Amino acid sequence: MSDHGHGHSHGHSRDVDEGDPNGPRRTGKLHYHEEEVRALEAYPLIHKAPHLDLYADSDRKHPGRDVDLPLRTVQLHIGKLEPGQATNLHKHHNEAAIYIIEGSGHSEIQGERVPWEKGDFIYIPTMQWHTHVNSGSESVLYMGITNKRMLDWLGLDRKVEAGRHVPMEDVQKEIAAKRYSPYSHYSIDPKTGVRFGPEGFITHGD
């Protein structure tokens, strides 16, 4: 019995890392959560041309739809804005990146105007008021990438809409106050864990 009395072998040596305090299993660089890691069952593996099946609903007044893939942590959605059209002013717990597939326009993010065009990525930080506006002359097609599904699993995601959940006057006061969470800047490291600090305390080489 070479497998410590289990009576079977998984085709790899269990002794390589277990006795080494600097090995990947000890330092957190690599983690085996099971004796034999099995593939997760998930389907479908493709959603063909979701941009051809957009629709408006009570939440989004403009055409859009979620991408139907079994993602557990990331949510993808496709949206379309005609010239002069804008998304509702809102904020949410999930952070988001928006990729512009076609067209040009601008976003207003916590009071800051951010112009964009085809090929650009835009970042929407957590709980910042924002809206996307087609201020160009052609249709805008974009893809949203968020961590909404992970937060939904944890029961943590919330969305707040201006004029619906919060009076517009209060929204404007909140933006003008320029107050940000003390947890805005953080780093995660296997050795030191989670650290919070002032703006600039994290570097790319940290």
Protein backbone atom coordinates (compact mmCIF):
# COMPACT_ATOMS: atom_id res chain seq x y z
CA MET A 1 0.00 0.00 0.00
CA SER A 2 1.91 3.02 -1.21
CA ASP A 3 -1.04 5.38 -0.71
CA HIS A 4 -0.87 5.60 3.11
CA GLY A 5 -3.25 2.74 3.66
CA HIS A 6 -6.09 3.93 1.42
CA GLY A 7 -5.66 0.88 -0.80
CA HIS A 8 -5.70 2.81 -4.07
CA SER A 9 -3.57 5.23 -6.02
CA HIS A 10 -4.60 8.36 -7.90
CA GLY A 11 -1.62 8.32 -10.19
CA HIS A 12 0.34 11.04 -8.34
CA SER A 13 2.58 11.14 -5.29
CA ARG A 14 1.04 12.59 -2.14
CA ASP A 15 4.43 12.94 -0.47
CA VAL A 16 5.87 15.62 -2.75
CA ASP A 17 4.46 18.66 -0.94
CA GLU A 18 3.05 17.45 2.37
CA GLY A 19 6.36 17.43 4.23
CA ASP A 20 7.68 20.67 2.73
CA PRO A 21 6.67 23.78 4.76
CA ASN A 22 7.46 25.90 1.70
CA GLY A 23 5.53 23.70 -0.74
CA PRO A 24 2.51 25.02 -2.62
CA ARG A 25 0.03 23.15 -0.43
CA ARG A 26 1.42 24.88 2.67
CA THR A 27 1.87 28.40 1.33
CA GLY A 28 -1.51 28.63 -0.34
CA LYS A 29 -0.13 28.95 -3.86
CA LEU A 30 -1.95 25.76 -4.84
CA HIS A 31 -4.80 23.98 -3.11
CA TYR A 32 -6.21 20.48 -3.57
CA HIS A 33 -9.67 20.43 -2.00
CA GLU A 34 -10.27 16.75 -2.71
CA GLU A 35 -8.18 13.61 -3.04
CA GLU A 36 -9.32 13.45 -6.65
CA VAL A 37 -10.54 16.70 -8.18
CA ARG A 38 -13.51 16.02 -10.41
CA ALA A 39 -14.87 18.15 -13.23
CA LEU A 40 -18.05 20.07 -12.53
CA GLU A 41 -21.05 19.21 -14.67
CA ALA A 42 -22.41 22.30 -16.41
CA TYR A 43 -24.34 23.15 -19.54
CA PRO A 44 -24.93 24.81 -21.96
CA LEU A 45 -21.38 25.58 -23.05
CA ILE A 46 -22.38 28.08 -25.73
CA HIS A 47 -24.99 30.79 -26.18
CA LYS A 48 -25.09 31.59 -29.86
CA ALA A 49 -25.52 35.23 -30.91
CA PRO A 50 -27.33 36.61 -27.82
CA HIS A 51 -27.19 40.11 -29.36
CA LEU A 52 -29.82 38.93 -31.87
CA ASP A 53 -32.32 38.17 -29.09
CA LEU A 54 -32.54 41.41 -27.07
CA TYR A 55 -35.68 42.67 -25.36
CA ALA A 56 -36.74 45.55 -23.09
CA ASP A 57 -38.21 44.78 -19.65
CA SER A 58 -39.45 46.68 -16.60
CA ASP A 59 -35.93 46.95 -15.19
CA ARG A 60 -34.10 47.99 -18.36
CA LYS A 61 -36.08 50.27 -20.68
CA HIS A 62 -33.59 49.63 -23.49
CA PRO A 63 -33.02 46.31 -25.31
CA GLY A 64 -30.74 43.88 -23.50
CA ARG A 65 -30.46 40.38 -22.09
CA ASP A 66 -28.30 38.20 -19.85
CA VAL A 67 -26.00 35.72 -21.53
CA ASP A 68 -27.31 32.23 -20.80
CA LEU A 69 -24.22 30.39 -19.58
CA PRO A 70 -23.85 28.46 -16.29
CA LEU A 71 -21.35 30.90 -14.79
CA ARG A 72 -21.25 30.77 -10.97
CA THR A 73 -19.37 33.95 -10.14
CA VAL A 74 -19.51 36.15 -13.24
CA GLN A 75 -22.57 37.46 -15.05
CA LEU A 76 -22.51 38.66 -18.66
CA HIS A 77 -25.17 40.74 -20.34
CA ILE A 78 -25.60 42.42 -23.71
CA GLY A 79 -27.26 45.83 -24.10
CA LYS A 80 -28.18 48.15 -26.93
CA LEU A 81 -28.73 51.92 -26.91
CA GLU A 82 -30.08 53.93 -29.80
CA PRO A 83 -28.83 57.52 -30.39
CA GLY A 84 -30.01 59.72 -27.51
CA GLN A 85 -30.94 56.75 -25.33
CA ALA A 86 -29.51 56.26 -21.83
CA THR A 87 -29.66 53.66 -19.07
CA ASN A 88 -31.37 54.52 -15.81
CA LEU A 89 -29.16 56.23 -13.21
CA HIS A 90 -28.43 53.55 -10.62
CA LYS A 91 -25.82 51.89 -8.40
CA HIS A 92 -25.24 48.35 -7.15
CA HIS A 93 -23.00 46.26 -4.90
CA ASN A 94 -21.50 44.32 -7.79
CA GLU A 95 -18.56 45.82 -9.63
CA ALA A 96 -18.75 45.91 -13.40
CA ALA A 97 -16.70 46.28 -16.56
CA ILE A 98 -18.44 47.40 -19.76
CA TYR A 99 -17.01 46.56 -23.18
CA ILE A 100 -18.15 48.68 -26.12
CA ILE A 101 -18.76 46.39 -29.12
CA GLU A 102 -20.19 49.05 -31.45
CA GLY A 103 -20.83 52.79 -31.32
CA SER A 104 -19.72 55.70 -29.13
CA GLY A 105 -21.06 57.75 -26.25
CA HIS A 106 -20.25 58.46 -22.62
CA SER A 107 -20.93 57.30 -19.08
CA GLU A 108 -21.55 59.44 -16.02
CA ILE A 109 -19.93 57.67 -13.07
CA GLN A 110 -20.35 59.29 -9.64
CA GLY A 111 -20.63 62.67 -11.37
CA GLU A 112 -17.66 62.20 -13.72
CA ARG A 113 -18.23 62.17 -17.48
CA VAL A 114 -16.29 59.34 -19.16
CA PRO A 115 -16.35 59.35 -23.01
CA TRP A 116 -15.98 56.01 -24.79
CA GLU A 117 -16.03 54.44 -28.24
CA LYS A 118 -15.86 51.04 -29.92
CA GLY A 119 -13.20 48.79 -28.37
CA ASP A 120 -13.08 50.56 -24.99
CA PHE A 121 -13.58 49.04 -21.55
CA ILE A 122 -15.22 51.07 -18.77
CA TYR A 123 -15.01 50.22 -15.06
CA ILE A 124 -17.94 50.78 -12.68
CA PRO A 125 -16.82 50.65 -9.03
CA THR A 126 -19.08 49.26 -6.33
CA MET A 127 -22.01 51.49 -5.28
CA GLN A 128 -21.11 54.43 -7.53
CA TRP A 129 -24.03 56.16 -9.26
CA HIS A 130 -23.78 55.69 -13.02
CA THR A 131 -25.59 55.83 -16.34
CA HIS A 132 -24.51 55.03 -19.90
CA VAL A 133 -25.53 57.41 -22.69
CA ASN A 134 -25.48 56.97 -26.46
CA SER A 135 -24.38 60.49 -27.37
CA GLY A 136 -23.21 59.37 -30.83
CA SER A 137 -25.05 59.05 -34.13
CA GLU A 138 -25.11 55.23 -34.40
CA SER A 139 -26.47 52.38 -32.30
CA VAL A 140 -24.37 51.30 -29.32
CA LEU A 141 -23.93 47.60 -28.53
CA TYR A 142 -22.11 46.74 -25.31
CA MET A 143 -21.32 43.78 -23.07
CA GLY A 144 -21.48 44.05 -19.28
CA ILE A 145 -19.26 41.85 -17.10
CA THR A 146 -20.10 41.76 -13.38
CA ASN A 147 -19.59 39.63 -10.27
CA LYS A 148 -23.34 39.71 -9.64
CA ARG A 149 -23.82 35.93 -9.67
CA MET A 150 -21.28 35.40 -6.91
CA LEU A 151 -22.93 38.08 -4.77
CA ASP A 152 -26.38 36.69 -5.53
CA TRP A 153 -25.25 33.26 -4.28
CA LEU A 154 -24.20 34.94 -1.04
CA GLY A 155 -27.36 37.06 -0.85
CA LEU A 156 -25.31 40.26 -0.90
CA ASP A 157 -26.11 42.05 -4.15
CA ARG A 158 -28.37 45.11 -4.03
CA LYS A 159 -29.37 47.57 -6.74
CA VAL A 160 -30.61 51.12 -6.06
CA GLU A 161 -32.22 53.27 -8.74
CA ALA A 162 -32.35 57.08 -8.69
CA GLY A 163 -35.86 58.49 -8.57
CA ARG A 164 -37.29 55.10 -7.69
CA HIS A 165 -35.58 54.05 -4.47
CA VAL A 166 -33.80 57.32 -3.67
CA PRO A 167 -35.05 60.86 -4.44
CA MET A 168 -32.97 62.58 -7.13
CA GLU A 169 -32.14 65.42 -4.73
CA ASP A 170 -30.55 62.94 -2.31
CA VAL A 171 -28.63 61.31 -5.16
CA GLN A 172 -27.15 64.66 -6.18
CA LYS A 173 -26.18 65.43 -2.58
CA GLU A 174 -24.53 62.03 -2.23
CA ILE A 175 -22.46 62.53 -5.40
CA ALA A 176 -21.47 66.10 -4.43
CA ALA A 177 -20.31 64.96 -0.97
CA LYS A 178 -17.50 62.86 -2.53
CA ARG A 179 -17.47 60.49 0.43
CA TYR A 180 -16.00 57.03 -0.19
CA SER A 181 -15.83 53.86 1.84
CA PRO A 182 -12.75 53.37 4.08
CA TYR A 183 -12.56 49.89 2.54
CA SER A 184 -11.96 51.27 -0.95
CA HIS A 185 -8.30 50.18 -1.12
CA TYR A 186 -7.23 46.65 -0.21
CA SER A 187 -4.93 43.80 -1.13
CA ILE A 188 -5.21 40.04 -0.64
CA ASP A 189 -2.10 37.94 -0.04
CA PRO A 190 -1.82 34.23 0.97
CA LYS A 191 0.68 35.10 3.72
CA THR A 192 -0.70 38.33 5.17
CA GLY A 193 -4.37 37.92 4.31
CA VAL A 194 -6.55 40.93 3.55
CA ARG A 195 -5.08 44.39 4.16
CA PHE A 196 -6.84 47.75 4.00
CA GLY A 197 -5.11 51.10 3.70
CA PRO A 198 -5.22 54.62 2.23
CA GLU A 199 -5.16 55.37 -1.47
CA GLY A 200 -1.77 54.53 -2.98
CA PHE A 201 -0.69 51.96 -0.39
CA ILE A 202 -0.92 49.19 -3.00
CA THR A 203 1.56 49.00 -5.86
CA HIS A 204 1.64 46.60 -8.78
CA GLY A 205 4.68 44.95 -7.24
CA ASP A 206 3.07 44.60 -3.81
